[in-house]
Amino acid sequence: MLKYDSAAKRERQNKARRQRNRETKSAIRTAVKKFQLAVQAEDKDLAAEKLNVAIKLIDKSGSKGVYHRNTVSRKKSRLQTQFNALNKTE
């Protein structure tokens, strides 16, 4: 039990945000893993589809404040590099 009402409210807000951020990050990790499995299988069409899903989730998480904008850029860049490498091996 917290001493002040404002501290209790802040704790409730932090708990809700922490839960939302965990769900978002988990969804991103899942999307990235599906993309990487498609890259390993060398399925270009599936990889392109999964890349778009992963980038959309990453962009949304950046706009919501889950990830810093530099982190968003880094993650997207690394995924795009993997996809480009897959398309080079023709």
PDB file of N, CA and C in Angstrom:
ATOM      1  N   MET A   1       0.850  -1.185   0.000  1.00  0.00           N
ATOM      2  CA  MET A   1       0.000   0.000   0.000  1.00  0.00           C
ATOM      3  C   MET A   1       0.885   1.235   0.000  1.00  0.00           C
ATOM      4  N   LEU A   2       0.647   2.074  -0.965  1.00  0.00           N
ATOM      5  CA  LEU A   2       1.429   3.293  -1.088  1.00  0.00           C
ATOM      6  C   LEU A   2       0.811   4.410  -0.244  1.00  0.00           C
ATOM      7  N   LYS A   3       1.675   5.311   0.184  1.00  0.00           N
ATOM      8  CA  LYS A   3       1.264   6.349   1.123  1.00  0.00           C
ATOM      9  C   LYS A   3       0.372   7.405   0.478  1.00  0.00           C
ATOM     10  N   TYR A   4       0.662   7.748  -0.785  1.00  0.00           N
ATOM     11  CA  TYR A   4      -0.075   8.829  -1.437  1.00  0.00           C
ATOM     12  C   TYR A   4      -0.881   8.302  -2.605  1.00  0.00           C
ATOM     13  N   ASP A   5      -2.022   8.948  -2.829  1.00  0.00           N
ATOM     14  CA  ASP A   5      -2.891   8.556  -3.940  1.00  0.00           C
ATOM     15  C   ASP A   5      -2.189   8.735  -5.278  1.00  0.00           C
ATOM     16  N   SER A   6      -1.402   9.807  -5.397  1.00  0.00           N
ATOM     17  CA  SER A   6      -0.721  10.061  -6.666  1.00  0.00           C
ATOM     18  C   SER A   6       0.306   8.968  -6.961  1.00  0.00           C
ATOM     19  N   ALA A   7       0.963   8.454  -5.908  1.00  0.00           N
ATOM     20  CA  ALA A   7       1.926   7.367  -6.094  1.00  0.00           C
ATOM     21  C   ALA A   7       1.218   6.087  -6.512  1.00  0.00           C
ATOM     22  N   ALA A   8       0.034   5.861  -5.945  1.00  0.00           N
ATOM     23  CA  ALA A   8      -0.741   4.665  -6.306  1.00  0.00           C
ATOM     24  C   ALA A   8      -1.189   4.746  -7.756  1.00  0.00           C
ATOM     25  N   LYS A   9      -1.634   5.941  -8.185  1.00  0.00           N
ATOM     26  CA  LYS A   9      -2.048   6.117  -9.576  1.00  0.00           C
ATOM     27  C   LYS A   9      -0.867   5.912 -10.508  1.00  0.00           C
ATOM     28  N   ARG A  10       0.270   6.481 -10.154  1.00  0.00           N
ATOM     29  CA  ARG A  10       1.472   6.337 -10.982  1.00  0.00           C
ATOM     30  C   ARG A  10       1.849   4.862 -11.105  1.00  0.00           C
ATOM     31  N   GLU A  11       1.730   4.116 -10.023  1.00  0.00           N
ATOM     32  CA  GLU A  11       2.048   2.682 -10.050  1.00  0.00           C
ATOM     33  C   GLU A  11       1.083   1.928 -10.965  1.00  0.00           C
ATOM     34  N   ARG A  12      -0.200   2.287 -10.925  1.00  0.00           N
ATOM     35  CA  ARG A  12      -1.183   1.657 -11.823  1.00  0.00           C
ATOM     36  C   ARG A  12      -0.852   1.967 -13.276  1.00  0.00           C
ATOM     37  N   GLN A  13      -0.487   3.214 -13.555  1.00  0.00           N
ATOM     38  CA  GLN A  13      -0.130   3.596 -14.921  1.00  0.00           C
ATOM     39  C   GLN A  13       1.105   2.847 -15.395  1.00  0.00           C
ATOM     40  N   ASN A  14       2.102   2.767 -14.535  1.00  0.00           N
ATOM     41  CA  ASN A  14       3.337   2.058 -14.901  1.00  0.00           C
ATOM     42  C   ASN A  14       3.068   0.597 -15.184  1.00  0.00           C
ATOM     43  N   LYS A  15       2.199  -0.015 -14.385  1.00  0.00           N
ATOM     44  CA  LYS A  15       1.873  -1.426 -14.581  1.00  0.00           C
ATOM     45  C   LYS A  15       1.194  -1.639 -15.931  1.00  0.00           C
ATOM     46  N   ALA A  16       0.248  -0.759 -16.267  1.00  0.00           N
ATOM     47  CA  ALA A  16      -0.463  -0.879 -17.548  1.00  0.00           C
ATOM     48  C   ALA A  16       0.500  -0.672 -18.713  1.00  0.00           C
ATOM     49  N   ARG A  17       1.377   0.331 -18.605  1.00  0.00           N
ATOM     50  CA  ARG A  17       2.333   0.596 -19.682  1.00  0.00           C
ATOM     51  C   ARG A  17       3.330  -0.543 -19.835  1.00  0.00           C
ATOM     52  N   ARG A  18       3.786  -1.065 -18.703  1.00  0.00           N
ATOM     53  CA  ARG A  18       4.746  -2.169 -18.748  1.00  0.00           C
ATOM     54  C   ARG A  18       4.132  -3.373 -19.450  1.00  0.00           C
ATOM     55  N   GLN A  19       2.873  -3.677 -19.133  1.00  0.00           N
ATOM     56  CA  GLN A  19       2.185  -4.804 -19.764  1.00  0.00           C
ATOM     57  C   GLN A  19       2.033  -4.570 -21.273  1.00  0.00           C
ATOM     58  N   ARG A  20       1.639  -3.363 -21.652  1.00  0.00           N
ATOM     59  CA  ARG A  20       1.458  -3.042 -23.066  1.00  0.00           C
ATOM     60  C   ARG A  20       2.778  -3.115 -23.823  1.00  0.00           C
ATOM     61  N   ASN A  21       3.839  -2.600 -23.211  1.00  0.00           N
ATOM     62  CA  ASN A  21       5.151  -2.648 -23.854  1.00  0.00           C
ATOM     63  C   ASN A  21       5.641  -4.079 -24.012  1.00  0.00           C
ATOM     64  N   ARG A  22       5.406  -4.908 -23.010  1.00  0.00           N
ATOM     65  CA  ARG A  22       5.826  -6.315 -23.103  1.00  0.00           C
ATOM     66  C   ARG A  22       5.106  -7.020 -24.240  1.00  0.00           C
ATOM     67  N   GLU A  23       3.807  -6.778 -24.371  1.00  0.00           N
ATOM     68  CA  GLU A  23       3.032  -7.397 -25.451  1.00  0.00           C
ATOM     69  C   GLU A  23       3.544  -6.942 -26.814  1.00  0.00           C
ATOM     70  N   THR A  24       3.839  -5.657 -26.924  1.00  0.00           N
ATOM     71  CA  THR A  24       4.324  -5.109 -28.195  1.00  0.00           C
ATOM     72  C   THR A  24       5.674  -5.700 -28.563  1.00  0.00           C
ATOM     73  N   LYS A  25       6.590  -5.734 -27.603  1.00  0.00           N
ATOM     74  CA  LYS A  25       7.928  -6.262 -27.870  1.00  0.00           C
ATOM     75  C   LYS A  25       7.874  -7.745 -28.209  1.00  0.00           C
ATOM     76  N   SER A  26       6.982  -8.469 -27.555  1.00  0.00           N
ATOM     77  CA  SER A  26       6.832  -9.895 -27.846  1.00  0.00           C
ATOM     78  C   SER A  26       6.329 -10.104 -29.272  1.00  0.00           C
ATOM     79  N   ALA A  27       5.367  -9.295 -29.684  1.00  0.00           N
ATOM     80  CA  ALA A  27       4.829  -9.400 -31.042  1.00  0.00           C
ATOM     81  C   ALA A  27       5.909  -9.086 -32.071  1.00  0.00           C
ATOM     82  N   ILE A  28       6.755  -8.117 -31.769  1.00  0.00           N
ATOM     83  CA  ILE A  28       7.841  -7.766 -32.684  1.00  0.00           C
ATOM     84  C   ILE A  28       8.840  -8.912 -32.784  1.00  0.00           C
ATOM     85  N   ARG A  29       9.219  -9.484 -31.647  1.00  0.00           N
ATOM     86  CA  ARG A  29      10.172 -10.609 -31.668  1.00  0.00           C
ATOM     87  C   ARG A  29       9.615 -11.778 -32.467  1.00  0.00           C
ATOM     88  N   THR A  30       8.321 -12.041 -32.317  1.00  0.00           N
ATOM     89  CA  THR A  30       7.686 -13.130 -33.064  1.00  0.00           C
ATOM     90  C   THR A  30       7.711 -12.838 -34.563  1.00  0.00           C
ATOM     91  N   ALA A  31       7.383 -11.616 -34.940  1.00  0.00           N
ATOM     92  CA  ALA A  31       7.366 -11.237 -36.365  1.00  0.00           C
ATOM     93  C   ALA A  31       8.762 -11.324 -36.966  1.00  0.00           C
ATOM     94  N   VAL A  32       9.764 -10.875 -36.217  1.00  0.00           N
ATOM     95  CA  VAL A  32      11.144 -10.922 -36.706  1.00  0.00           C
ATOM     96  C   VAL A  32      11.597 -12.373 -36.865  1.00  0.00           C
ATOM     97  N   LYS A  33      11.219 -13.216 -35.923  1.00  0.00           N
ATOM     98  CA  LYS A  33      11.607 -14.628 -36.004  1.00  0.00           C
ATOM     99  C   LYS A  33      10.972 -15.293 -37.229  1.00  0.00           C
ATOM    100  N   LYS A  34       9.706 -14.969 -37.508  1.00  0.00           N
ATOM    101  CA  LYS A  34       9.039 -15.536 -38.686  1.00  0.00           C
ATOM    102  C   LYS A  34       9.720 -15.065 -39.968  1.00  0.00           C
ATOM    103  N   PHE A  35      10.122 -13.791 -39.982  1.00  0.00           N
ATOM    104  CA  PHE A  35      10.855 -13.262 -41.136  1.00  0.00           C
ATOM    105  C   PHE A  35      12.178 -14.005 -41.315  1.00  0.00           C
ATOM    106  N   GLN A  36      12.915 -14.190 -40.243  1.00  0.00           N
ATOM    107  CA  GLN A  36      14.217 -14.843 -40.329  1.00  0.00           C
ATOM    108  C   GLN A  36      14.083 -16.312 -40.748  1.00  0.00           C
ATOM    109  N   LEU A  37      13.021 -16.968 -40.330  1.00  0.00           N
ATOM    110  CA  LEU A  37      12.785 -18.348 -40.779  1.00  0.00           C
ATOM    111  C   LEU A  37      12.509 -18.376 -42.283  1.00  0.00           C
ATOM    112  N   ALA A  38      11.784 -17.401 -42.781  1.00  0.00           N
ATOM    113  CA  ALA A  38      11.522 -17.315 -44.225  1.00  0.00           C
ATOM    114  C   ALA A  38      12.812 -17.053 -44.988  1.00  0.00           C
ATOM    115  N   VAL A  39      13.693 -16.226 -44.411  1.00  0.00           N
ATOM    116  CA  VAL A  39      14.981 -15.951 -45.056  1.00  0.00           C
ATOM    117  C   VAL A  39      15.824 -17.226 -45.091  1.00  0.00           C
ATOM    118  N   GLN A  40      15.845 -17.961 -43.996  1.00  0.00           N
ATOM    119  CA  GLN A  40      16.622 -19.212 -43.943  1.00  0.00           C
ATOM    120  C   GLN A  40      16.097 -20.224 -44.943  1.00  0.00           C
ATOM    121  N   ALA A  41      14.778 -20.239 -45.139  1.00  0.00           N
ATOM    122  CA  ALA A  41      14.175 -21.156 -46.104  1.00  0.00           C
ATOM    123  C   ALA A  41      14.339 -20.647 -47.541  1.00  0.00           C
ATOM    124  N   GLU A  42      14.874 -19.439 -47.676  1.00  0.00           N
ATOM    125  CA  GLU A  42      15.091 -18.798 -48.973  1.00  0.00           C
ATOM    126  C   GLU A  42      13.799 -18.640 -49.766  1.00  0.00           C
ATOM    127  N   ASP A  43      12.719 -18.365 -49.061  1.00  0.00           N
ATOM    128  CA  ASP A  43      11.422 -18.101 -49.682  1.00  0.00           C
ATOM    129  C   ASP A  43      11.253 -16.585 -49.782  1.00  0.00           C
ATOM    130  N   LYS A  44      11.532 -16.037 -50.959  1.00  0.00           N
ATOM    131  CA  LYS A  44      11.578 -14.583 -51.122  1.00  0.00           C
ATOM    132  C   LYS A  44      10.219 -13.926 -50.959  1.00  0.00           C
ATOM    133  N   ASP A  45       9.176 -14.564 -51.484  1.00  0.00           N
ATOM    134  CA  ASP A  45       7.837 -13.979 -51.380  1.00  0.00           C
ATOM    135  C   ASP A  45       7.371 -13.931 -49.928  1.00  0.00           C
ATOM    136  N   LEU A  46       7.554 -15.039 -49.223  1.00  0.00           N
ATOM    137  CA  LEU A  46       7.161 -15.090 -47.818  1.00  0.00           C
ATOM    138  C   LEU A  46       8.008 -14.131 -46.986  1.00  0.00           C
ATOM    139  N   ALA A  47       9.282 -14.052 -47.293  1.00  0.00           N
ATOM    140  CA  ALA A  47      10.177 -13.147 -46.561  1.00  0.00           C
ATOM    141  C   ALA A  47       9.745 -11.696 -46.753  1.00  0.00           C
ATOM    142  N   ALA A  48       9.373 -11.338 -47.979  1.00  0.00           N
ATOM    143  CA  ALA A  48       8.923  -9.967 -48.244  1.00  0.00           C
ATOM    144  C   ALA A  48       7.660  -9.647 -47.455  1.00  0.00           C
ATOM    145  N   GLU A  49       6.754 -10.604 -47.414  1.00  0.00           N
ATOM    146  CA  GLU A  49       5.510 -10.425 -46.666  1.00  0.00           C
ATOM    147  C   GLU A  49       5.788 -10.264 -45.172  1.00  0.00           C
ATOM    148  N   LYS A  50       6.630 -11.131 -44.631  1.00  0.00           N
ATOM    149  CA  LYS A  50       6.960 -11.087 -43.198  1.00  0.00           C
ATOM    150  C   LYS A  50       7.770  -9.842 -42.848  1.00  0.00           C
ATOM    151  N   LEU A  51       8.585  -9.383 -43.786  1.00  0.00           N
ATOM    152  CA  LEU A  51       9.355  -8.160 -43.561  1.00  0.00           C
ATOM    153  C   LEU A  51       8.407  -6.969 -43.416  1.00  0.00           C
ATOM    154  N   ASN A  52       7.412  -6.887 -44.271  1.00  0.00           N
ATOM    155  CA  ASN A  52       6.453  -5.785 -44.187  1.00  0.00           C
ATOM    156  C   ASN A  52       5.699  -5.793 -42.863  1.00  0.00           C
ATOM    157  N   VAL A  53       5.332  -6.975 -42.395  1.00  0.00           N
ATOM    158  CA  VAL A  53       4.627  -7.087 -41.112  1.00  0.00           C
ATOM    159  C   VAL A  53       5.534  -6.630 -39.971  1.00  0.00           C
ATOM    160  N   ALA A  54       6.776  -7.095 -39.983  1.00  0.00           N
ATOM    161  CA  ALA A  54       7.714  -6.757 -38.915  1.00  0.00           C
ATOM    162  C   ALA A  54       8.004  -5.254 -38.904  1.00  0.00           C
ATOM    163  N   ILE A  55       8.219  -4.673 -40.067  1.00  0.00           N
ATOM    164  CA  ILE A  55       8.528  -3.240 -40.136  1.00  0.00           C
ATOM    165  C   ILE A  55       7.336  -2.410 -39.670  1.00  0.00           C
ATOM    166  N   LYS A  56       6.142  -2.834 -40.026  1.00  0.00           N
ATOM    167  CA  LYS A  56       4.949  -2.112 -39.582  1.00  0.00           C
ATOM    168  C   LYS A  56       4.848  -2.119 -38.059  1.00  0.00           C
ATOM    169  N   LEU A  57       5.084  -3.270 -37.447  1.00  0.00           N
ATOM    170  CA  LEU A  57       5.032  -3.368 -35.988  1.00  0.00           C
ATOM    171  C   LEU A  57       6.122  -2.526 -35.338  1.00  0.00           C
ATOM    172  N   ILE A  58       7.317  -2.564 -35.908  1.00  0.00           N
ATOM    173  CA  ILE A  58       8.437  -1.802 -35.347  1.00  0.00           C
ATOM    174  C   ILE A  58       8.160  -0.305 -35.450  1.00  0.00           C
ATOM    175  N   ASP A  59       7.645   0.140 -36.600  1.00  0.00           N
ATOM    176  CA  ASP A  59       7.312   1.560 -36.771  1.00  0.00           C
ATOM    177  C   ASP A  59       6.262   2.006 -35.756  1.00  0.00           C
ATOM    178  N   LYS A  60       5.251   1.175 -35.591  1.00  0.00           N
ATOM    179  CA  LYS A  60       4.183   1.523 -34.658  1.00  0.00           C
ATOM    180  C   LYS A  60       4.717   1.604 -33.227  1.00  0.00           C
ATOM    181  N   SER A  61       5.606   0.685 -32.876  1.00  0.00           N
ATOM    182  CA  SER A  61       6.159   0.711 -31.517  1.00  0.00           C
ATOM    183  C   SER A  61       7.013   1.951 -31.291  1.00  0.00           C
ATOM    184  N   GLY A  62       7.670   2.420 -32.342  1.00  0.00           N
ATOM    185  CA  GLY A  62       8.457   3.646 -32.235  1.00  0.00           C
ATOM    186  C   GLY A  62       7.575   4.860 -32.036  1.00  0.00           C
ATOM    187  N   SER A  63       6.456   4.905 -32.730  1.00  0.00           N
ATOM    188  CA  SER A  63       5.560   6.050 -32.592  1.00  0.00           C
ATOM    189  C   SER A  63       4.863   6.057 -31.239  1.00  0.00           C
ATOM    190  N   LYS A  64       4.705   4.890 -30.626  1.00  0.00           N
ATOM    191  CA  LYS A  64       4.055   4.795 -29.317  1.00  0.00           C
ATOM    192  C   LYS A  64       5.031   4.979 -28.158  1.00  0.00           C
ATOM    193  N   GLY A  65       6.325   5.036 -28.476  1.00  0.00           N
ATOM    194  CA  GLY A  65       7.305   5.253 -27.413  1.00  0.00           C
ATOM    195  C   GLY A  65       7.829   3.989 -26.771  1.00  0.00           C
ATOM    196  N   VAL A  66       7.521   2.838 -27.356  1.00  0.00           N
ATOM    197  CA  VAL A  66       8.034   1.583 -26.815  1.00  0.00           C
ATOM    198  C   VAL A  66       9.537   1.485 -27.076  1.00  0.00           C
ATOM    199  N   TYR A  67       9.930   1.862 -28.284  1.00  0.00           N
ATOM    200  CA  TYR A  67      11.350   1.874 -28.657  1.00  0.00           C
ATOM    201  C   TYR A  67      11.767   3.299 -29.006  1.00  0.00           C
ATOM    202  N   HIS A  68      13.013   3.614 -28.772  1.00  0.00           N
ATOM    203  CA  HIS A  68      13.605   4.887 -29.181  1.00  0.00           C
ATOM    204  C   HIS A  68      13.708   4.889 -30.705  1.00  0.00           C
ATOM    205  N   ARG A  69      13.670   6.082 -31.298  1.00  0.00           N
ATOM    206  CA  ARG A  69      13.670   6.152 -32.766  1.00  0.00           C
ATOM    207  C   ARG A  69      14.944   5.592 -33.371  1.00  0.00           C
ATOM    208  N   ASN A  70      16.069   5.715 -32.692  1.00  0.00           N
ATOM    209  CA  ASN A  70      17.312   5.137 -33.207  1.00  0.00           C
ATOM    210  C   ASN A  70      17.258   3.610 -33.173  1.00  0.00           C
ATOM    211  N   THR A  71      16.646   3.068 -32.141  1.00  0.00           N
ATOM    212  CA  THR A  71      16.484   1.619 -32.042  1.00  0.00           C
ATOM    213  C   THR A  71      15.589   1.113 -33.169  1.00  0.00           C
ATOM    214  N   VAL A  72      14.535   1.859 -33.447  1.00  0.00           N
ATOM    215  CA  VAL A  72      13.632   1.502 -34.545  1.00  0.00           C
ATOM    216  C   VAL A  72      14.395   1.474 -35.863  1.00  0.00           C
ATOM    217  N   SER A  73      15.185   2.507 -36.108  1.00  0.00           N
ATOM    218  CA  SER A  73      15.954   2.583 -37.354  1.00  0.00           C
ATOM    219  C   SER A  73      16.944   1.432 -37.461  1.00  0.00           C
ATOM    220  N   ARG A  74      17.609   1.122 -36.363  1.00  0.00           N
ATOM    221  CA  ARG A  74      18.594   0.040 -36.368  1.00  0.00           C
ATOM    222  C   ARG A  74      17.939  -1.302 -36.667  1.00  0.00           C
ATOM    223  N   LYS A  75      16.827  -1.583 -36.015  1.00  0.00           N
ATOM    224  CA  LYS A  75      16.132  -2.858 -36.221  1.00  0.00           C
ATOM    225  C   LYS A  75      15.649  -2.995 -37.668  1.00  0.00           C
ATOM    226  N   LYS A  76      15.062  -1.922 -38.197  1.00  0.00           N
ATOM    227  CA  LYS A  76      14.580  -1.958 -39.572  1.00  0.00           C
ATOM    228  C   LYS A  76      15.728  -2.132 -40.554  1.00  0.00           C
ATOM    229  N   SER A  77      16.831  -1.451 -40.299  1.00  0.00           N
ATOM    230  CA  SER A  77      17.985  -1.538 -41.180  1.00  0.00           C
ATOM    231  C   SER A  77      18.546  -2.959 -41.219  1.00  0.00           C
ATOM    232  N   ARG A  78      18.633  -3.581 -40.069  1.00  0.00           N
ATOM    233  CA  ARG A  78      19.172  -4.945 -40.020  1.00  0.00           C
ATOM    234  C   ARG A  78      18.271  -5.936 -40.738  1.00  0.00           C
ATOM    235  N   LEU A  79      16.960  -5.766 -40.594  1.00  0.00           N
ATOM    236  CA  LEU A  79      16.030  -6.646 -41.301  1.00  0.00           C
ATOM    237  C   LEU A  79      16.139  -6.437 -42.806  1.00  0.00           C
ATOM    238  N   GLN A  80      16.201  -5.177 -43.217  1.00  0.00           N
ATOM    239  CA  GLN A  80      16.290  -4.876 -44.652  1.00  0.00           C
ATOM    240  C   GLN A  80      17.587  -5.412 -45.241  1.00  0.00           C
ATOM    241  N   THR A  81      18.675  -5.357 -44.473  1.00  0.00           N
ATOM    242  CA  THR A  81      19.959  -5.888 -44.940  1.00  0.00           C
ATOM    243  C   THR A  81      19.867  -7.389 -45.171  1.00  0.00           C
ATOM    244  N   GLN A  82      19.199  -8.091 -44.256  1.00  0.00           N
ATOM    245  CA  GLN A  82      19.019  -9.542 -44.420  1.00  0.00           C
ATOM    246  C   GLN A  82      18.192  -9.838 -45.669  1.00  0.00           C
ATOM    247  N   PHE A  83      17.153  -9.047 -45.872  1.00  0.00           N
ATOM    248  CA  PHE A  83      16.290  -9.262 -47.037  1.00  0.00           C
ATOM    249  C   PHE A  83      17.048  -8.987 -48.335  1.00  0.00           C
ATOM    250  N   ASN A  84      17.844  -7.917 -48.348  1.00  0.00           N
ATOM    251  CA  ASN A  84      18.626  -7.593 -49.535  1.00  0.00           C
ATOM    252  C   ASN A  84      19.649  -8.679 -49.846  1.00  0.00           C
ATOM    253  N   ALA A  85      20.244  -9.247 -48.811  1.00  0.00           N
ATOM    254  CA  ALA A  85      21.215 -10.325 -49.004  1.00  0.00           C
ATOM    255  C   ALA A  85      20.529 -11.552 -49.614  1.00  0.00           C
ATOM    256  N   LEU A  86      19.282 -11.810 -49.199  1.00  0.00           N
ATOM    257  CA  LEU A  86      18.530 -12.940 -49.747  1.00  0.00           C
ATOM    258  C   LEU A  86      18.263 -12.709 -51.232  1.00  0.00           C
ATOM    259  N   ASN A  87      17.929 -11.494 -51.616  1.00  0.00           N
ATOM    260  CA  ASN A  87      17.620 -11.207 -53.009  1.00  0.00           C
ATOM    261  C   ASN A  87      18.864 -11.175 -53.891  1.00  0.00           C
ATOM    262  N   LYS A  88      20.027 -10.933 -53.307  1.00  0.00           N
ATOM    263  CA  LYS A  88      21.267 -10.941 -54.086  1.00  0.00           C
ATOM    264  C   LYS A  88      21.670 -12.342 -54.512  1.00  0.00           C
ATOM    265  N   THR A  89      21.334 -13.341 -53.688  1.00  0.00           N
ATOM    266  CA  THR A  89      21.727 -14.714 -53.986  1.00  0.00           C
ATOM    267  C   THR A  89      20.717 -15.344 -54.934  1.00  0.00           C
ATOM    268  N   GLU A  90      20.792 -14.956 -56.166  1.00  0.00           N
ATOM    269  CA  GLU A  90      19.877 -15.508 -57.177  1.00  0.00           C
ATOM    270  C   GLU A  90      20.588 -16.454 -58.114  1.00  0.00           C
TER     271      GLU A  90
END
